Amino acid sequence: MESGSAASAPEETAGNAPEDTVRRGRVRLRRAAVLAVPATLVAAGLAVLTAQGALGVQFAISGMPFTVTATDLDGTGFEQFGALDTMAEGSPNAGDTGGQVLVVTSAIKNATLTKLCQSVDLGGTNLLITAGGGKDKVTATDLTTDSTELSGNADFGNIEIGNDASTLTKAGVKGPIGVFSQQADTVHIGDLRQTNYATTAAVFRLPGLKLRFSDKGC
C-alpha cells in the first residue's frame, strides 16, 4: 500500500525526502504497535485445549519472541520437554528457519508468579505488560510456555530426569514419544527470565494489570 501511494505522489525535493521518510517510518511503527495490542490482550487470557484434554501450544506462532520475567515462580506439577513450534505459512518472520523454532516446553499445573513482566520488541518501542506487583500475585492453571532461553535459580521437589516425554504425568501434558524430558512434583524459580514464542493457560489471572508502550523492555 505504501508503494502505491508513493508512485502517485508528486516528486519530492531532496530537502523534504529524509523528513518524509522518517515520518512514514513512524507511521508504520505506530500501525505495528496498534495491531499488536489485541493479540497481546488475547494472550493474557488464552485457553487452548487439545482434543485429548491436555493443554499445549496448538496455534501458528507469530515468530516474534517476547521476554517474560518474574521475581519468583512457584508451581505444583511441573514438566519440561523439547518441541517444535511452527509459524503461519508465508510468515515474514520465517527467515532461513523454514518457519519453525526449536523450543523447550515447560508445563505447570498450578503456578504463582510475583512481579510478572512481559515485553515484545516492535522495532523501536516495546509493548510492556506488568502484573502481580502488589499483595495479589499472578496465578495460572495448566500453564505452558515455549522458550528458547530460560534462566533463574531453580529448586525442584521429587524430580525425575530422563523420562520419555510421552509418559509424563505431573502436569497433564504429554510430549512427543522418544523425546527427552523431566518432571517434578514442585518447582520454584527465583529471578526467572524467559525468551518465549508462545504461552497458553486454562486460566490466567493478572491482578494489577498494566499495558503500555515503553522504550525499555523487561
Protein backbone atom coordinates (compact mmCIF):
# COMPACT_ATOMS: atom_id res chain seq x y z
CA MET A 1 0.00 0.00 0.00
CA GLU A 2 2.84 2.36 0.75
CA SER A 3 4.46 1.83 -2.65
CA GLY A 4 1.17 2.60 -4.44
CA SER A 5 0.70 5.92 -2.68
CA ALA A 6 4.32 6.86 -3.25
CA ALA A 7 4.05 6.28 -7.02
CA SER A 8 1.09 8.67 -7.36
CA ALA A 9 2.53 11.39 -5.13
CA PRO A 10 4.30 14.45 -6.57
CA GLU A 11 8.05 14.18 -6.85
CA GLU A 12 9.73 15.07 -3.55
CA THR A 13 12.53 17.58 -3.28
CA ALA A 14 15.88 16.48 -1.93
CA GLY A 15 15.33 18.62 1.17
CA ASN A 16 11.96 17.05 2.09
CA ALA A 17 12.72 13.39 1.28
CA PRO A 18 14.54 12.45 4.53
CA GLU A 19 11.87 14.11 6.67
CA ASP A 20 9.05 12.34 4.79
CA THR A 21 10.88 9.02 5.06
CA VAL A 22 11.19 9.39 8.83
CA ARG A 23 7.50 10.37 9.06
CA ARG A 24 6.42 7.28 7.09
CA GLY A 25 8.65 5.11 9.29
CA ARG A 26 6.94 6.47 12.40
CA VAL A 27 3.51 5.81 10.91
CA ARG A 28 4.47 2.20 10.15
CA LEU A 29 5.74 1.76 13.71
CA ARG A 30 2.51 3.13 15.20
CA ARG A 31 0.46 0.84 12.97
CA ALA A 32 2.51 -2.19 14.05
CA ALA A 33 2.11 -1.24 17.71
CA VAL A 34 -1.67 -0.85 17.42
CA LEU A 35 -2.03 -4.17 15.61
CA ALA A 36 -0.04 -5.92 18.33
CA VAL A 37 -2.29 -4.77 21.19
CA PRO A 38 -5.30 -7.08 20.58
CA ALA A 39 -3.05 -10.13 20.15
CA THR A 40 -1.33 -9.46 23.48
CA LEU A 41 -4.61 -8.89 25.28
CA VAL A 42 -5.90 -12.20 23.97
CA ALA A 43 -2.69 -13.93 25.08
CA ALA A 44 -3.26 -12.67 28.63
CA GLY A 45 -6.33 -14.89 28.95
CA LEU A 46 -5.70 -17.54 26.29
CA ALA A 47 -7.10 -21.06 26.74
CA VAL A 48 -6.32 -23.66 24.08
CA LEU A 49 -7.33 -27.27 24.80
CA THR A 50 -6.28 -30.25 22.69
CA ALA A 51 -8.70 -32.99 21.74
CA GLN A 52 -7.17 -35.17 24.44
CA GLY A 53 -7.90 -32.60 27.15
CA ALA A 54 -4.21 -31.77 27.65
CA LEU A 55 -3.25 -28.14 27.25
CA GLY A 56 -0.50 -27.21 24.85
CA VAL A 57 0.50 -24.82 22.09
CA GLN A 58 -1.73 -25.66 19.11
CA PHE A 59 -1.60 -22.43 17.11
CA ALA A 60 0.68 -20.91 14.49
CA ILE A 61 3.19 -18.68 16.27
CA SER A 62 3.99 -15.17 15.01
CA GLY A 63 7.71 -15.84 15.10
CA MET A 64 8.29 -12.73 17.22
CA PRO A 65 9.95 -13.66 20.56
CA PHE A 66 8.85 -11.98 23.78
CA THR A 67 10.54 -11.68 27.16
CA VAL A 68 8.95 -12.79 30.42
CA THR A 69 10.41 -12.12 33.86
CA ALA A 70 9.25 -12.69 37.44
CA THR A 71 10.98 -12.30 40.77
CA ASP A 72 9.52 -15.65 41.87
CA LEU A 73 7.65 -18.52 40.24
CA ASP A 74 6.16 -21.29 42.40
CA GLY A 75 4.41 -24.26 40.85
CA THR A 76 2.97 -27.69 41.50
CA GLY A 77 3.03 -30.34 38.81
CA PHE A 78 5.99 -29.48 36.55
CA GLU A 79 7.02 -30.97 33.19
CA GLN A 80 9.63 -29.98 30.59
CA PHE A 81 10.46 -31.38 27.15
CA GLY A 82 11.61 -30.37 23.68
CA ALA A 83 9.16 -29.36 20.94
CA LEU A 84 8.91 -27.60 17.58
CA ASP A 85 6.75 -24.51 17.01
CA THR A 86 5.57 -23.56 13.53
CA MET A 87 4.78 -20.12 12.08
CA ALA A 88 1.91 -19.34 9.74
CA GLU A 89 2.62 -20.19 6.11
CA GLY A 90 4.35 -17.30 4.38
CA SER A 91 5.24 -15.54 7.64
CA PRO A 92 7.70 -12.67 7.09
CA ASN A 93 9.44 -13.76 10.30
CA ALA A 94 10.37 -17.20 8.91
CA GLY A 95 13.78 -16.08 7.66
CA ASP A 96 16.02 -19.07 6.96
CA THR A 97 14.40 -21.26 9.66
CA GLY A 98 11.74 -22.69 7.39
CA GLY A 99 9.12 -21.15 9.69
CA GLN A 100 9.95 -23.43 12.62
CA VAL A 101 11.54 -22.78 16.02
CA LEU A 102 13.02 -25.44 18.28
CA VAL A 103 11.75 -24.74 21.82
CA VAL A 104 11.65 -26.15 25.32
CA THR A 105 8.07 -26.55 26.54
CA SER A 106 7.55 -26.06 30.28
CA ALA A 107 4.16 -27.13 31.67
CA ILE A 108 2.95 -26.31 35.19
CA LYS A 109 -0.38 -27.50 36.56
CA ASN A 110 -0.73 -24.61 39.04
CA ALA A 111 1.60 -21.60 39.08
CA THR A 112 2.01 -18.40 41.09
CA LEU A 113 4.22 -15.57 39.81
CA THR A 114 5.41 -12.44 41.61
CA LYS A 115 6.03 -9.19 39.72
CA LEU A 116 5.36 -10.58 36.27
CA CYS A 117 6.67 -8.58 33.32
CA GLN A 118 6.17 -9.35 29.63
CA SER A 119 7.57 -7.32 26.75
CA VAL A 120 7.78 -7.66 22.98
CA ASP A 121 10.08 -5.55 20.83
CA LEU A 122 8.09 -3.97 17.99
CA GLY A 123 11.12 -2.37 16.40
CA GLY A 124 11.97 0.82 18.26
CA THR A 125 9.37 0.52 21.00
CA ASN A 126 8.26 -2.21 23.38
CA LEU A 127 4.76 -3.35 24.26
CA LEU A 128 5.04 -3.86 28.02
CA ILE A 129 2.70 -5.75 30.37
CA THR A 130 3.16 -5.91 34.15
CA ALA A 131 1.04 -7.55 36.85
CA GLY A 132 1.22 -9.10 40.31
CA GLY A 133 3.36 -6.39 41.87
CA GLY A 134 1.10 -5.91 44.91
CA LYS A 135 -0.24 -8.24 47.57
CA ASP A 136 -2.11 -10.34 44.96
CA LYS A 137 0.09 -12.48 42.75
CA VAL A 138 -0.40 -13.66 39.20
CA THR A 139 -1.91 -17.15 39.12
CA ALA A 140 -2.29 -19.63 36.27
CA THR A 141 -3.61 -23.15 35.82
CA ASP A 142 -2.46 -25.51 33.06
CA LEU A 143 0.27 -23.05 32.12
CA THR A 144 2.61 -23.87 29.23
CA THR A 145 5.46 -21.77 27.83
CA ASP A 146 7.56 -22.45 24.74
CA SER A 147 11.02 -20.99 25.32
CA THR A 148 14.36 -20.75 23.58
CA GLU A 149 16.08 -19.38 26.71
CA LEU A 150 15.32 -19.75 30.42
CA SER A 151 17.38 -18.63 33.39
CA GLY A 152 16.98 -18.25 37.16
CA ASN A 153 17.63 -20.03 40.46
CA ALA A 154 15.63 -23.26 40.47
CA ASP A 155 14.57 -25.76 43.13
CA PHE A 156 12.63 -28.94 42.31
CA GLY A 157 10.78 -31.34 44.58
CA ASN A 158 10.85 -35.08 43.69
CA ILE A 159 12.33 -34.51 40.26
CA GLU A 160 12.57 -37.23 37.59
CA ILE A 161 15.08 -36.67 34.77
CA GLY A 162 15.24 -38.64 31.54
CA ASN A 163 11.59 -39.62 31.14
CA ASP A 164 10.14 -40.26 27.70
CA ALA A 165 8.05 -37.14 27.05
CA SER A 166 5.03 -39.24 26.04
CA THR A 167 4.84 -40.76 29.55
CA LEU A 168 4.72 -37.55 31.62
CA THR A 169 2.02 -37.32 34.31
CA LYS A 170 2.70 -34.37 36.62
CA ALA A 171 1.07 -31.52 34.65
CA GLY A 172 -1.34 -33.43 32.39
CA VAL A 173 0.61 -32.66 29.20
CA LYS A 174 2.32 -35.34 27.10
CA GLY A 175 5.17 -34.55 24.74
CA PRO A 176 6.36 -36.40 21.62
CA ILE A 177 7.33 -40.06 22.01
CA GLY A 178 11.07 -40.66 22.14
CA VAL A 179 11.87 -37.12 23.35
CA PHE A 180 13.95 -36.50 26.48
CA SER A 181 12.05 -34.83 29.32
CA GLN A 182 11.87 -34.24 33.05
CA GLN A 183 9.13 -33.71 35.61
CA ALA A 184 8.77 -32.83 39.30
CA ASP A 185 6.11 -32.50 41.97
CA THR A 186 7.04 -28.89 42.72
CA VAL A 187 9.17 -26.13 41.21
CA HIS A 188 10.48 -22.79 42.47
CA ILE A 189 12.42 -20.40 40.22
CA GLY A 190 13.79 -17.15 41.58
CA ASP A 191 14.75 -14.29 39.21
CA LEU A 192 13.02 -16.03 36.31
CA ARG A 193 13.81 -14.80 32.81
CA GLN A 194 12.50 -16.41 29.63
CA THR A 195 12.60 -15.78 25.91
CA ASN A 196 9.28 -17.22 24.75
CA TYR A 197 7.49 -17.80 21.47
CA ALA A 198 4.16 -18.96 22.90
CA THR A 199 2.22 -19.17 26.16
CA THR A 200 -1.11 -20.83 26.94
CA ALA A 201 -3.13 -21.25 30.13
CA ALA A 202 -6.57 -22.57 31.02
CA VAL A 203 -6.92 -19.68 33.48
CA PHE A 204 -4.54 -16.71 33.72
CA ARG A 205 -5.30 -14.11 36.42
CA LEU A 206 -3.28 -10.87 36.32
CA PRO A 207 -4.10 -8.56 39.25
CA GLY A 208 -2.89 -5.00 38.79
CA LEU A 209 -2.52 -5.48 35.03
CA LYS A 210 -0.87 -2.55 33.21
CA LEU A 211 -0.31 -2.43 29.46
CA ARG A 212 1.71 0.35 27.87
CA PHE A 213 4.40 1.24 25.35
CA SER A 214 7.93 1.80 26.61
CA ASP A 215 11.40 2.42 25.24
CA LYS A 216 12.63 -0.34 27.57
CA GLY A 217 11.65 -4.00 27.84
CA CYS A 218 11.58 -6.27 30.90
